[in-house]
Amino acid sequence: MVSEQKTEELTRTYVVPLGVVYEAPPYRRAKKALIVIREFATRHMKAKQVSIDTEVNEQIWAKGIRHPPRRITLEMERDEDGVVKVKLPPAPEKLPEKLTEKV
């Protein structure tokens, strides 16, 4: 008898370490970074399926295939079906100029 488990919606922010990617050959590092992110999301969010946003992909590939970032901050959101969406967290709002000026 297989029980159907309903998972609740969940949103978390993680800093994903990508240093292990640099053990791969230089011509595979960005691809390996995406694999590491997918495995991280599966492990930490108990995901059945992982969907990586295009903005995350663009940030990984920004400096080419050979030089992905060493770590990346990501927001992971799981829905009721167990599908995890990986995206960049919203940018922090800037303070008004009056507060940032030195007196």
C-alpha atoms as a PDB file:
ATOM      1  CA  MET A   1       0.000   0.000   0.000  1.00  0.00           C
ATOM      2  CA  VAL A   2       1.568   3.241  -1.164  1.00  0.00           C
ATOM      3  CA  SER A   3       0.510   6.358   0.674  1.00  0.00           C
ATOM      4  CA  GLU A   4       0.155   9.635  -1.160  1.00  0.00           C
ATOM      5  CA  GLN A   5       2.126  12.284   0.690  1.00  0.00           C
ATOM      6  CA  LYS A   6       1.075  15.884   0.228  1.00  0.00           C
ATOM      7  CA  THR A   7       3.899  18.319   0.843  1.00  0.00           C
ATOM      8  CA  GLU A   8       3.240  21.857   1.967  1.00  0.00           C
ATOM      9  CA  GLU A   9       4.477  24.901   0.094  1.00  0.00           C
ATOM     10  CA  LEU A  10       7.893  25.997   1.264  1.00  0.00           C
ATOM     11  CA  THR A  11      10.299  28.821   0.345  1.00  0.00           C
ATOM     12  CA  ARG A  12      13.897  28.985   1.545  1.00  0.00           C
ATOM     13  CA  THR A  13      17.030  30.935   0.674  1.00  0.00           C
ATOM     14  CA  TYR A  14      20.315  29.038   0.433  1.00  0.00           C
ATOM     15  CA  VAL A  15      23.939  29.863  -0.323  1.00  0.00           C
ATOM     16  CA  VAL A  16      24.966  26.971  -2.570  1.00  0.00           C
ATOM     17  CA  PRO A  17      28.708  26.179  -2.502  1.00  0.00           C
ATOM     18  CA  LEU A  18      30.072  25.491  -5.987  1.00  0.00           C
ATOM     19  CA  GLY A  19      33.753  24.964  -5.158  1.00  0.00           C
ATOM     20  CA  VAL A  20      33.527  21.272  -6.049  1.00  0.00           C
ATOM     21  CA  VAL A  21      32.795  22.356  -9.633  1.00  0.00           C
ATOM     22  CA  TYR A  22      36.434  23.400 -10.031  1.00  0.00           C
ATOM     23  CA  GLU A  23      37.504  19.744  -9.750  1.00  0.00           C
ATOM     24  CA  ALA A  24      35.854  19.143 -13.136  1.00  0.00           C
ATOM     25  CA  PRO A  25      37.724  19.818 -16.383  1.00  0.00           C
ATOM     26  CA  PRO A  26      37.629  23.526 -17.344  1.00  0.00           C
ATOM     27  CA  TYR A  27      35.421  22.904 -20.368  1.00  0.00           C
ATOM     28  CA  ARG A  28      32.663  21.353 -18.219  1.00  0.00           C
ATOM     29  CA  ARG A  29      32.499  23.594 -15.150  1.00  0.00           C
ATOM     30  CA  ALA A  30      29.356  25.634 -15.872  1.00  0.00           C
ATOM     31  CA  LYS A  31      27.464  22.479 -16.846  1.00  0.00           C
ATOM     32  CA  LYS A  32      28.666  20.797 -13.653  1.00  0.00           C
ATOM     33  CA  ALA A  33      27.544  23.832 -11.605  1.00  0.00           C
ATOM     34  CA  LEU A  34      23.973  23.377 -12.838  1.00  0.00           C
ATOM     35  CA  ILE A  35      24.124  19.677 -11.951  1.00  0.00           C
ATOM     36  CA  VAL A  36      25.357  20.551  -8.434  1.00  0.00           C
ATOM     37  CA  ILE A  37      22.532  23.092  -7.989  1.00  0.00           C
ATOM     38  CA  ARG A  38      19.956  20.516  -9.100  1.00  0.00           C
ATOM     39  CA  GLU A  39      21.361  17.900  -6.679  1.00  0.00           C
ATOM     40  CA  PHE A  40      21.454  20.458  -3.841  1.00  0.00           C
ATOM     41  CA  ALA A  41      17.798  21.385  -4.409  1.00  0.00           C
ATOM     42  CA  THR A  42      16.762  17.732  -4.557  1.00  0.00           C
ATOM     43  CA  ARG A  43      18.567  16.925  -1.319  1.00  0.00           C
ATOM     44  CA  HIS A  44      17.613  19.964   0.766  1.00  0.00           C
ATOM     45  CA  MET A  45      14.067  20.567  -0.458  1.00  0.00           C
ATOM     46  CA  LYS A  46      13.017  16.894  -0.811  1.00  0.00           C
ATOM     47  CA  ALA A  47      12.114  17.553  -4.452  1.00  0.00           C
ATOM     48  CA  LYS A  48      10.671  15.200  -7.025  1.00  0.00           C
ATOM     49  CA  GLN A  49      11.479  17.596  -9.849  1.00  0.00           C
ATOM     50  CA  VAL A  50      13.694  20.711 -10.029  1.00  0.00           C
ATOM     51  CA  SER A  51      13.148  23.670 -12.361  1.00  0.00           C
ATOM     52  CA  ILE A  52      16.041  26.155 -12.671  1.00  0.00           C
ATOM     53  CA  ASP A  53      15.157  29.709 -13.720  1.00  0.00           C
ATOM     54  CA  THR A  54      16.872  31.228 -16.771  1.00  0.00           C
ATOM     55  CA  GLU A  55      18.296  34.080 -14.655  1.00  0.00           C
ATOM     56  CA  VAL A  56      20.197  31.528 -12.552  1.00  0.00           C
ATOM     57  CA  ASN A  57      21.492  29.886 -15.720  1.00  0.00           C
ATOM     58  CA  GLU A  58      22.634  33.253 -17.094  1.00  0.00           C
ATOM     59  CA  GLN A  59      24.457  34.099 -13.858  1.00  0.00           C
ATOM     60  CA  ILE A  60      26.280  30.739 -13.887  1.00  0.00           C
ATOM     61  CA  TRP A  61      27.329  31.227 -17.513  1.00  0.00           C
ATOM     62  CA  ALA A  62      28.098  34.993 -17.187  1.00  0.00           C
ATOM     63  CA  LYS A  63      31.888  34.540 -17.226  1.00  0.00           C
ATOM     64  CA  GLY A  64      31.877  31.558 -19.567  1.00  0.00           C
ATOM     65  CA  ILE A  65      32.003  27.806 -19.192  1.00  0.00           C
ATOM     66  CA  ARG A  66      35.398  27.822 -17.464  1.00  0.00           C
ATOM     67  CA  HIS A  67      34.751  30.319 -14.638  1.00  0.00           C
ATOM     68  CA  PRO A  68      31.416  29.773 -12.831  1.00  0.00           C
ATOM     69  CA  PRO A  69      30.986  31.464  -9.424  1.00  0.00           C
ATOM     70  CA  ARG A  70      32.378  29.756  -6.305  1.00  0.00           C
ATOM     71  CA  ARG A  71      29.046  30.171  -4.494  1.00  0.00           C
ATOM     72  CA  ILE A  72      25.626  31.499  -5.360  1.00  0.00           C
ATOM     73  CA  THR A  73      22.656  32.650  -3.282  1.00  0.00           C
ATOM     74  CA  LEU A  74      19.403  31.094  -4.474  1.00  0.00           C
ATOM     75  CA  GLU A  75      15.762  31.088  -3.453  1.00  0.00           C
ATOM     76  CA  MET A  76      14.072  27.695  -3.664  1.00  0.00           C
ATOM     77  CA  GLU A  77      10.307  27.364  -3.661  1.00  0.00           C
ATOM     78  CA  ARG A  78       8.509  24.007  -3.407  1.00  0.00           C
ATOM     79  CA  ASP A  79       4.853  23.659  -4.353  1.00  0.00           C
ATOM     80  CA  GLU A  80       2.345  21.015  -3.229  1.00  0.00           C
ATOM     81  CA  ASP A  81       3.329  18.602  -6.012  1.00  0.00           C
ATOM     82  CA  GLY A  82       6.969  18.473  -4.891  1.00  0.00           C
ATOM     83  CA  VAL A  83       8.261  20.571  -7.806  1.00  0.00           C
ATOM     84  CA  VAL A  84      11.027  22.976  -6.743  1.00  0.00           C
ATOM     85  CA  LYS A  85      11.615  26.242  -8.607  1.00  0.00           C
ATOM     86  CA  VAL A  86      15.132  27.625  -8.209  1.00  0.00           C
ATOM     87  CA  LYS A  87      15.507  31.358  -8.786  1.00  0.00           C
ATOM     88  CA  LEU A  88      17.607  34.338  -7.730  1.00  0.00           C
ATOM     89  CA  PRO A  89      16.426  36.143  -4.583  1.00  0.00           C
ATOM     90  CA  PRO A  90      14.956  39.612  -5.046  1.00  0.00           C
ATOM     91  CA  ALA A  91      17.518  42.413  -5.035  1.00  0.00           C
ATOM     92  CA  PRO A  92      17.633  44.412  -1.794  1.00  0.00           C
ATOM     93  CA  GLU A  93      16.126  47.874  -1.968  1.00  0.00           C
ATOM     94  CA  LYS A  94      18.577  50.755  -1.928  1.00  0.00           C
ATOM     95  CA  LEU A  95      18.459  53.314   0.864  1.00  0.00           C
ATOM     96  CA  PRO A  96      17.558  56.906   0.016  1.00  0.00           C
ATOM     97  CA  GLU A  97      20.556  59.135  -0.718  1.00  0.00           C
ATOM     98  CA  LYS A  98      20.024  61.204   2.447  1.00  0.00           C
ATOM     99  CA  LEU A  99      20.655  58.168   4.636  1.00  0.00           C
ATOM    100  CA  THR A 100      23.807  57.105   2.802  1.00  0.00           C
ATOM    101  CA  GLU A 101      25.509  60.542   2.789  1.00  0.00           C
ATOM    102  CA  LYS A 102      28.202  61.114   5.372  1.00  0.00           C
ATOM    103  CA  VAL A 103      27.830  64.268   7.407  1.00  0.00           C
END
